[in-house]
Amino acid sequence: MTACRLCGSATLASVVDLGATPPCESFLAADQLDQAEPAYPLHLRVCTDCWLAQIPPLIKPEETFTEYAYFSSFSTSWVEHARTFVAGAVERAGLGEDAFVVEVASNDGYLLKHVVERGIRCLGVEPSVNVGAAAREAGVPTLTEFLSPDTGAAVRAEHGPANLVVANNVYAHIPDVVGFTQGLRALVADDGWVSIEVQHLLTLIEENQYDTIYHEHFQYYTVASAIRALASGGLALVDVELLPTHGGSIRLWARPAEVAGEPSQRVADVLAREKAAGLQELSGYTEFSARVAKVRRDLLKFLIEAAERGETVVGYGAPGKGNTLLNHCGIRPDLLAYTVDRNPYKHGRFTPGTRIPILAPEQIAADKPDYVLVLPWNLRAELAEQLAYVHEWGGRLVFPIPELSIVEAASSKEVTA
């Protein structure tokens, strides 16, 4: 990687090198286990001019998102998060029954279904054929396309400008930051709103959330770098919200630069926090690699000692972030017998690289393991409640991020490594 994809600078500094891994959503069918898997370097660098953190664009979005294994509706808390967002966005943007809402990367319609229920005209722009089909079956109008300036212009020409454009958990997933942002501007009305949710680099660094670094995520934003990215397409940031989702996200509210006005005090406050954390100089990044290495050592030590004691450890969830963690730590079925997932699409498949079987959630109750390693740690509250039954036989829950913690049986006492 020789140049920043946002500003073109050649001054890129290493943040953490996680080796080489397969794409995180390339789950294997049983008949693929004897085939070779491609693996790509996973090396995070930061541009010392615009401070956009990024990995090399070694895979194309078409390779990942044409058929996609992630369906948002399988997370109860995520659907509720979307419902709450829609209610707030309708009020902020003053959306009436004659409004038009577009969501980019709309997945299976988990968010836009709340717009449909309000009687507001909407359209999803979703590149994945399989999840887009699920959205249409659920009654959410969905176009199967990647967003580009041309796509945005075509949608605007056919449907009119959007009063609100939503781009949640996609701004990190596109290597052409400038082109995608121009596509957002093409979609939105000249007096409209754009809402973007994306993981916050500040919490990623502070909370050791390195497993959210994977090939689907081409870049990682601070508010400072997001301002520059938005400006590349003619948008200006007017407000920001700090969210707990994905371990810590930012919701960026932007408008066309011509009507944006001055940003809110919250923008200034978050920019000040980022500066205080050293994220606009190299000092804020230099210790991250060492803290990542400790997470790996602690998890491996726990798994090895459990195996030597003859105790069983299984996983819960098969998220993309989990595959970064499993591959970086070199975890195989001898240390993690299997993992389970609520998504039937993944049942009978195997995790990329590590070849760990993925089973239905009912397998945990049938086997009564000693420990359940929770891979989607960002849903900790939701999953701790769902998995409370594990304590009935003395089982314990294990959370690997931000540091190894074990929730003991019955008392819910937490032991931190």
Protein backbone atom coordinates (compact mmCIF):
# COMPACT_ATOMS: atom_id res chain seq x y z
CA MET A 1 0.00 0.00 0.00
CA THR A 2 1.71 3.16 -1.18
CA ALA A 3 -0.83 5.99 -0.89
CA CYS A 4 -3.77 7.07 1.27
CA ARG A 5 -7.04 6.35 -0.48
CA LEU A 6 -8.57 9.59 0.77
CA CYS A 7 -5.91 12.27 0.38
CA GLY A 8 -3.28 10.50 -1.73
CA SER A 9 -0.46 11.03 0.77
CA ALA A 10 2.40 8.51 0.79
CA THR A 11 3.07 8.96 4.52
CA LEU A 12 1.42 5.86 5.98
CA ALA A 13 2.52 4.55 9.38
CA SER A 14 1.98 1.01 10.69
CA VAL A 15 -0.56 0.60 13.53
CA VAL A 16 -0.87 -3.20 13.84
CA ASP A 17 -0.01 -6.15 11.59
CA LEU A 18 -2.36 -9.12 12.10
CA GLY A 19 -0.69 -11.38 9.55
CA ALA A 20 -2.67 -12.89 6.68
CA THR A 21 -6.22 -14.22 6.97
CA PRO A 22 -9.02 -15.36 4.64
CA PRO A 23 -11.92 -12.94 4.08
CA CYS A 24 -13.94 -13.03 7.29
CA GLU A 25 -17.31 -13.97 5.77
CA SER A 26 -16.04 -16.72 3.45
CA PHE A 27 -17.52 -19.58 5.46
CA LEU A 28 -16.69 -23.02 4.09
CA ALA A 29 -19.07 -25.78 3.09
CA ALA A 30 -18.03 -29.33 4.01
CA ASP A 31 -17.01 -30.12 0.42
CA GLN A 32 -14.57 -27.17 0.46
CA LEU A 33 -12.47 -28.35 3.39
CA ASP A 34 -9.86 -30.00 1.17
CA GLN A 35 -9.54 -26.96 -1.07
CA ALA A 36 -7.06 -24.12 -0.77
CA GLU A 37 -8.20 -20.86 0.85
CA PRO A 38 -6.84 -17.50 -0.25
CA ALA A 39 -5.41 -15.40 2.60
CA TYR A 40 -4.61 -11.70 2.43
CA PRO A 41 -2.45 -9.45 4.63
CA LEU A 42 -4.34 -7.64 7.36
CA HIS A 43 -2.12 -4.69 8.17
CA LEU A 44 -3.64 -1.49 9.55
CA ARG A 45 -1.86 1.75 8.76
CA VAL A 46 -2.73 5.37 9.40
CA CYS A 47 -2.17 8.35 7.09
CA THR A 48 -0.16 10.96 8.94
CA ASP A 49 -1.65 13.74 6.79
CA CYS A 50 -5.44 13.16 7.02
CA TRP A 51 -5.33 10.52 9.81
CA LEU A 52 -7.55 8.03 8.00
CA ALA A 53 -6.69 4.53 9.26
CA GLN A 54 -6.85 1.94 6.48
CA ILE A 55 -5.88 -1.48 5.20
CA PRO A 56 -4.81 -2.30 1.64
CA PRO A 57 -7.75 -2.88 -0.76
CA LEU A 58 -6.68 -6.44 -1.56
CA ILE A 59 -10.19 -7.81 -2.14
CA LYS A 60 -13.02 -6.27 -4.11
CA PRO A 61 -16.42 -5.59 -2.53
CA GLU A 62 -17.97 -7.72 -5.29
CA GLU A 63 -16.11 -10.74 -3.91
CA THR A 64 -17.72 -10.33 -0.48
CA PHE A 65 -21.08 -8.68 -0.94
CA THR A 66 -22.63 -10.34 -4.00
CA GLU A 67 -23.77 -13.14 -1.70
CA TYR A 68 -23.46 -12.26 1.95
CA ALA A 69 -23.70 -14.40 5.08
CA TYR A 70 -24.79 -11.63 7.47
CA PHE A 71 -28.51 -10.95 8.01
CA SER A 72 -29.11 -8.01 10.36
CA SER A 73 -32.54 -9.19 11.51
CA PHE A 74 -31.07 -12.09 13.48
CA SER A 75 -29.94 -9.62 16.16
CA THR A 76 -32.90 -8.58 18.30
CA SER A 77 -31.04 -5.60 19.74
CA TRP A 78 -29.97 -4.43 16.29
CA VAL A 79 -33.55 -4.39 15.00
CA GLU A 80 -34.58 -2.37 18.06
CA HIS A 81 -31.64 -0.02 17.48
CA ALA A 82 -32.94 0.56 13.94
CA ARG A 83 -36.50 1.20 15.16
CA THR A 84 -35.29 3.82 17.62
CA PHE A 85 -33.12 5.44 14.95
CA VAL A 86 -36.01 5.72 12.49
CA ALA A 87 -38.21 7.39 15.10
CA GLY A 88 -35.52 9.97 15.85
CA ALA A 89 -34.60 10.53 12.20
CA VAL A 90 -38.22 11.16 11.21
CA GLU A 91 -38.39 13.91 13.82
CA ARG A 92 -34.95 15.43 13.06
CA ALA A 93 -35.47 15.55 9.30
CA GLY A 94 -39.16 16.45 9.54
CA LEU A 95 -40.23 13.52 7.39
CA GLY A 96 -43.89 13.48 6.43
CA GLU A 97 -45.85 10.96 4.40
CA ASP A 98 -44.62 12.57 1.16
CA ALA A 99 -40.94 12.11 2.12
CA PHE A 100 -38.52 9.72 0.46
CA VAL A 101 -35.88 7.74 2.37
CA VAL A 102 -33.01 5.76 0.85
CA GLU A 103 -30.82 3.37 2.79
CA VAL A 104 -27.51 2.30 1.29
CA ALA A 105 -26.40 -1.23 2.23
CA SER A 106 -29.92 -1.91 3.51
CA ASN A 107 -29.25 -5.63 4.14
CA ASP A 108 -32.45 -7.63 4.73
CA GLY A 109 -34.65 -4.58 5.33
CA TYR A 110 -34.19 -4.60 9.12
CA LEU A 111 -34.24 -0.76 9.22
CA LEU A 112 -36.43 0.25 6.30
CA LYS A 113 -39.26 -1.97 7.46
CA HIS A 114 -39.79 0.62 10.21
CA VAL A 115 -40.01 3.31 7.50
CA VAL A 116 -42.51 1.19 5.54
CA GLU A 117 -44.63 0.81 8.68
CA ARG A 118 -44.84 4.61 8.91
CA GLY A 119 -46.18 4.84 5.37
CA ILE A 120 -43.10 6.72 4.12
CA ARG A 121 -41.82 5.94 0.63
CA CYS A 122 -38.40 4.30 0.71
CA LEU A 123 -35.84 2.32 -1.25
CA GLY A 124 -32.96 0.10 -0.19
CA VAL A 125 -29.78 -0.03 -2.26
CA GLU A 126 -28.23 -3.38 -1.37
CA PRO A 127 -25.48 -5.13 -3.39
CA SER A 128 -25.96 -8.63 -1.95
CA VAL A 129 -28.40 -10.63 -4.01
CA ASN A 130 -29.48 -13.03 -1.26
CA VAL A 131 -30.14 -10.53 1.53
CA GLY A 132 -31.74 -8.08 -0.91
CA ALA A 133 -34.17 -10.82 -1.90
CA ALA A 134 -35.03 -11.35 1.76
CA ALA A 135 -35.77 -7.63 2.09
CA ARG A 136 -38.13 -7.66 -0.87
CA GLU A 137 -39.91 -10.70 0.56
CA ALA A 138 -40.40 -8.68 3.74
CA GLY A 139 -42.03 -5.87 1.77
CA VAL A 140 -39.08 -3.48 1.57
CA PRO A 141 -38.41 -2.12 -1.98
CA THR A 142 -34.77 -2.93 -2.72
CA LEU A 143 -32.44 -2.28 -5.64
CA THR A 144 -29.54 -4.72 -6.08
CA GLU A 145 -26.62 -2.39 -6.78
CA PHE A 146 -23.41 -1.00 -5.33
CA LEU A 147 -23.56 2.73 -4.70
CA SER A 148 -21.55 4.90 -7.05
CA PRO A 149 -22.07 8.45 -8.35
CA ASP A 150 -23.85 6.95 -11.39
CA THR A 151 -26.09 4.74 -9.25
CA GLY A 152 -26.98 7.70 -7.03
CA ALA A 153 -27.83 9.83 -10.05
CA ALA A 154 -29.94 7.06 -11.59
CA VAL A 155 -31.95 6.54 -8.39
CA ARG A 156 -32.50 10.29 -8.08
CA ALA A 157 -33.65 10.52 -11.71
CA GLU A 158 -36.15 7.67 -11.28
CA HIS A 159 -37.42 8.25 -7.74
CA GLY A 160 -36.56 11.87 -6.97
CA PRO A 161 -34.12 13.24 -4.38
CA ALA A 162 -34.09 11.64 -0.94
CA ASN A 163 -34.99 13.72 2.09
CA LEU A 164 -32.93 11.30 4.17
CA VAL A 165 -30.11 8.99 3.09
CA VAL A 166 -29.01 6.38 5.62
CA ALA A 167 -25.65 4.60 5.38
CA ASN A 168 -25.24 2.55 8.53
CA ASN A 169 -22.22 0.27 8.89
CA VAL A 170 -21.12 0.62 5.28
CA TYR A 171 -18.82 3.67 5.20
CA ALA A 172 -15.94 1.45 6.26
CA HIS A 173 -16.77 -1.21 3.69
CA ILE A 174 -15.97 0.66 0.49
CA PRO A 175 -12.46 1.20 -0.90
CA ASP A 176 -13.52 4.16 -3.06
CA VAL A 177 -14.32 6.59 -0.27
CA VAL A 178 -14.58 9.60 -2.56
CA GLY A 179 -16.79 7.90 -5.16
CA PHE A 180 -19.12 6.48 -2.51
CA THR A 181 -19.46 9.88 -0.82
CA GLN A 182 -20.25 11.46 -4.17
CA GLY A 183 -22.93 8.79 -4.56
CA LEU A 184 -24.47 9.84 -1.25
CA ARG A 185 -24.53 13.44 -2.40
CA ALA A 186 -26.18 12.42 -5.68
CA LEU A 187 -28.97 10.70 -3.75
CA VAL A 188 -29.75 13.38 -1.17
CA ALA A 189 -31.94 16.40 -1.76
CA ASP A 190 -30.20 19.77 -1.76
CA ASP A 191 -31.79 20.50 1.64
CA GLY A 192 -31.76 16.89 2.84
CA TRP A 193 -29.94 14.86 5.47
CA VAL A 194 -27.39 12.06 5.41
CA SER A 195 -26.93 9.80 8.43
CA ILE A 196 -23.91 7.52 8.69
CA GLU A 197 -23.09 5.08 11.47
CA VAL A 198 -19.57 3.69 11.58
CA GLN A 199 -17.28 2.30 14.24
CA HIS A 200 -15.26 4.96 16.05
CA LEU A 201 -11.50 4.53 15.79
CA LEU A 202 -11.17 6.14 19.22
CA THR A 203 -12.92 3.24 20.99
CA LEU A 204 -11.29 0.67 18.73
CA ILE A 205 -7.89 1.85 19.95
CA GLU A 206 -8.85 2.48 23.58
CA GLU A 207 -10.75 -0.82 24.05
CA ASN A 208 -8.43 -3.18 22.12
CA GLN A 209 -11.18 -3.92 19.59
CA TYR A 210 -8.75 -5.21 17.00
CA ASP A 211 -11.03 -8.04 15.86
CA THR A 212 -13.13 -5.46 14.02
CA ILE A 213 -10.18 -5.05 11.65
CA TYR A 214 -10.95 -7.31 8.71
CA HIS A 215 -10.93 -7.20 4.94
CA GLU A 216 -14.52 -5.97 4.63
CA HIS A 217 -13.47 -2.84 6.56
CA PHE A 218 -11.16 -0.85 4.34
CA GLN A 219 -10.92 2.17 6.63
CA TYR A 220 -11.52 3.24 10.24
CA TYR A 221 -12.74 6.73 11.09
CA THR A 222 -12.27 9.38 13.68
CA VAL A 223 -14.65 12.33 13.45
CA ALA A 224 -11.70 14.34 12.14
CA SER A 225 -11.03 11.98 9.23
CA ALA A 226 -14.78 11.58 8.58
CA ILE A 227 -15.12 15.34 8.13
CA ARG A 228 -12.48 15.22 5.43
CA ALA A 229 -14.10 12.18 3.78
CA LEU A 230 -17.53 13.82 3.71
CA ALA A 231 -16.08 16.99 2.22
CA SER A 232 -14.67 14.97 -0.68
CA GLY A 233 -18.26 14.46 -1.90
CA GLY A 234 -19.70 17.87 -1.12
CA LEU A 235 -21.14 17.02 2.32
CA ALA A 236 -20.47 18.74 5.64
CA LEU A 237 -20.80 17.33 9.15
CA VAL A 238 -23.37 19.15 11.29
CA ASP A 239 -23.74 16.85 14.31
CA VAL A 240 -22.37 13.65 15.82
CA GLU A 241 -23.69 11.13 18.33
CA LEU A 242 -21.62 8.63 20.29
CA LEU A 243 -23.25 5.19 20.25
CA PRO A 244 -22.50 1.97 22.14
CA THR A 245 -23.07 -0.21 19.05
CA HIS A 246 -20.19 -2.37 17.80
CA GLY A 247 -18.27 -1.52 20.93
CA GLY A 248 -18.42 2.21 20.19
CA SER A 249 -19.67 3.92 17.05
CA ILE A 250 -20.28 7.43 15.78
CA ARG A 251 -23.47 8.56 14.09
CA LEU A 252 -22.58 11.31 11.67
CA TRP A 253 -25.28 13.74 10.59
CA ALA A 254 -24.30 15.53 7.39
CA ARG A 255 -25.96 17.84 4.89
CA PRO A 256 -24.98 19.30 1.53
CA ALA A 257 -22.21 21.79 2.23
CA GLU A 258 -24.26 24.70 0.84
CA VAL A 259 -26.93 24.40 3.58
CA ALA A 260 -25.01 22.78 6.43
CA GLY A 261 -24.16 25.78 8.58
CA GLU A 262 -21.97 25.55 11.66
CA PRO A 263 -21.46 22.13 13.28
CA SER A 264 -22.86 21.43 16.74
CA GLN A 265 -20.95 21.67 20.00
CA ARG A 266 -20.93 17.87 20.13
CA VAL A 267 -18.71 17.82 17.04
CA ALA A 268 -16.20 20.11 18.76
CA ASP A 269 -16.35 18.01 21.93
CA VAL A 270 -15.57 14.73 20.16
CA LEU A 271 -12.81 16.32 18.11
CA ALA A 272 -11.27 17.50 21.38
CA ARG A 273 -11.46 13.96 22.83
CA GLU A 274 -9.75 12.53 19.77
CA LYS A 275 -7.00 15.11 19.96
CA ALA A 276 -6.48 14.44 23.67
CA ALA A 277 -6.15 10.72 22.90
CA GLY A 278 -3.33 11.50 20.47
CA LEU A 279 -5.19 10.35 17.36
CA GLN A 280 -3.94 13.29 15.32
CA GLU A 281 -0.33 12.32 15.97
CA LEU A 282 1.51 9.01 15.98
CA SER A 283 1.71 8.84 19.77
CA GLY A 284 -1.91 7.71 19.92
CA TYR A 285 -1.19 4.57 17.90
CA THR A 286 2.21 3.33 19.05
CA GLU A 287 1.11 1.12 21.99
CA PHE A 288 -1.86 -0.52 20.27
CA SER A 289 0.10 -3.41 18.78
CA ALA A 290 1.46 -4.45 22.19
CA ARG A 291 -2.00 -4.40 23.74
CA VAL A 292 -3.33 -6.54 20.87
CA ALA A 293 -0.58 -9.09 21.53
CA LYS A 294 -1.65 -9.33 25.18
CA VAL A 295 -5.26 -10.09 24.22
CA ARG A 296 -3.95 -12.96 22.07
CA ARG A 297 -1.69 -14.35 24.80
CA ASP A 298 -4.39 -14.19 27.47
CA LEU A 299 -6.99 -15.97 25.34
CA LEU A 300 -4.60 -18.69 24.23
CA LYS A 301 -3.41 -19.25 27.80
CA PHE A 302 -7.01 -19.68 28.97
CA LEU A 303 -7.90 -22.10 26.15
CA ILE A 304 -4.75 -24.20 26.57
CA GLU A 305 -5.16 -24.46 30.35
CA ALA A 306 -8.83 -25.41 29.97
CA ALA A 307 -7.88 -28.15 27.49
CA GLU A 308 -5.19 -29.48 29.83
CA ARG A 309 -7.78 -29.67 32.63
CA GLY A 310 -10.06 -31.65 30.31
CA GLU A 311 -12.68 -28.90 30.22
CA THR A 312 -14.76 -28.18 27.13
CA VAL A 313 -14.93 -24.78 25.46
CA VAL A 314 -17.35 -23.93 22.64
CA GLY A 315 -18.13 -20.67 20.92
CA TYR A 316 -21.24 -18.57 20.57
CA GLY A 317 -21.67 -16.66 17.33
CA ALA A 318 -19.84 -16.72 14.03
CA PRO A 319 -19.41 -13.00 13.27
CA GLY A 320 -16.82 -11.59 10.92
CA LYS A 321 -14.93 -10.08 13.85
CA GLY A 322 -14.71 -13.54 15.42
CA ASN A 323 -12.79 -14.82 12.43
CA THR A 324 -10.14 -12.11 12.81
CA LEU A 325 -9.72 -13.15 16.45
CA LEU A 326 -9.66 -16.92 15.73
CA ASN A 327 -7.15 -16.60 12.89
CA HIS A 328 -4.87 -14.15 14.67
CA CYS A 329 -4.78 -16.41 17.74
CA GLY A 330 -4.40 -19.60 15.68
CA ILE A 331 -7.38 -21.25 17.39
CA ARG A 332 -8.47 -24.62 15.97
CA PRO A 333 -11.10 -27.23 16.98
CA ASP A 334 -8.71 -28.76 19.52
CA LEU A 335 -9.14 -25.59 21.60
CA LEU A 336 -12.64 -24.55 20.48
CA ALA A 337 -14.72 -27.61 19.62
CA TYR A 338 -17.34 -25.69 17.66
CA THR A 339 -19.29 -22.46 17.62
CA VAL A 340 -23.02 -21.88 17.18
CA ASP A 341 -24.98 -19.18 15.39
CA ARG A 342 -28.63 -18.19 15.12
CA ASN A 343 -28.29 -17.74 11.35
CA PRO A 344 -29.29 -21.01 9.61
CA TYR A 345 -27.22 -19.98 6.58
CA LYS A 346 -24.07 -20.76 8.57
CA HIS A 347 -25.16 -24.12 10.02
CA GLY A 348 -23.06 -27.01 8.73
CA ARG A 349 -20.38 -24.62 7.49
CA PHE A 350 -16.92 -23.95 8.91
CA THR A 351 -15.11 -20.78 9.92
CA PRO A 352 -12.63 -19.50 7.31
CA GLY A 353 -9.02 -20.39 7.99
CA THR A 354 -9.59 -22.06 11.34
CA ARG A 355 -12.13 -24.66 10.08
CA ILE A 356 -14.22 -24.65 13.26
CA PRO A 357 -17.69 -26.23 12.76
CA ILE A 358 -20.73 -23.94 13.04
CA LEU A 359 -23.80 -25.57 14.56
CA ALA A 360 -27.28 -24.54 15.69
CA PRO A 361 -27.54 -22.82 19.10
CA GLU A 362 -29.40 -25.78 20.62
CA GLN A 363 -26.14 -27.74 20.61
CA ILE A 364 -24.90 -25.84 23.67
CA ALA A 365 -27.75 -27.01 25.90
CA ALA A 366 -27.34 -30.56 24.58
CA ASP A 367 -23.59 -30.70 25.35
CA LYS A 368 -23.43 -28.55 28.51
CA PRO A 369 -19.86 -27.29 27.98
CA ASP A 370 -17.76 -25.84 30.78
CA TYR A 371 -17.22 -22.53 28.97
CA VAL A 372 -18.88 -20.58 26.16
CA LEU A 373 -16.59 -18.13 24.38
CA VAL A 374 -18.77 -15.24 23.17
CA LEU A 375 -17.35 -14.01 19.87
CA PRO A 376 -19.80 -11.11 19.19
CA TRP A 377 -18.71 -9.41 22.43
CA ASN A 378 -20.26 -6.14 21.24
CA LEU A 379 -23.70 -7.66 22.01
CA ARG A 380 -22.62 -8.54 25.53
CA ALA A 381 -25.76 -7.44 27.37
CA GLU A 382 -28.09 -9.12 24.89
CA LEU A 383 -26.12 -12.36 24.77
CA ALA A 384 -25.48 -12.58 28.50
CA GLU A 385 -29.25 -12.67 28.89
CA GLN A 386 -29.75 -15.15 26.05
CA LEU A 387 -27.06 -17.44 27.46
CA ALA A 388 -28.08 -17.25 31.12
CA TYR A 389 -29.16 -20.91 30.90
CA VAL A 390 -25.47 -21.89 30.63
CA HIS A 391 -25.12 -21.19 34.36
CA GLU A 392 -27.70 -23.90 35.16
CA TRP A 393 -25.05 -26.64 34.85
CA GLY A 394 -22.20 -24.52 36.18
CA GLY A 395 -21.07 -23.28 32.77
CA ARG A 396 -19.32 -19.94 32.41
CA LEU A 397 -19.31 -17.25 29.75
CA VAL A 398 -16.01 -15.93 28.42
CA PHE A 399 -15.59 -12.52 26.77
CA PRO A 400 -12.23 -11.94 25.02
CA ILE A 401 -12.42 -8.17 24.36
CA PRO A 402 -11.35 -5.61 25.65
CA GLU A 403 -9.63 -8.02 28.01
CA LEU A 404 -10.32 -11.64 28.91
CA SER A 405 -13.18 -11.88 31.41
CA ILE A 406 -14.97 -14.97 32.71
CA VAL A 407 -18.50 -14.72 34.11
CA GLU A 408 -18.77 -17.37 36.80
CA ALA A 409 -21.84 -19.56 37.26
CA ALA A 410 -24.88 -18.49 39.26
CA SER A 411 -23.30 -15.53 41.05
CA SER A 412 -22.48 -13.80 37.72
CA LYS A 413 -19.15 -12.94 39.32
CA GLU A 414 -16.70 -11.71 36.72
CA VAL A 415 -13.04 -12.71 36.73
CA THR A 416 -10.69 -10.59 34.61
CA ALA A 417 -7.40 -11.91 33.35
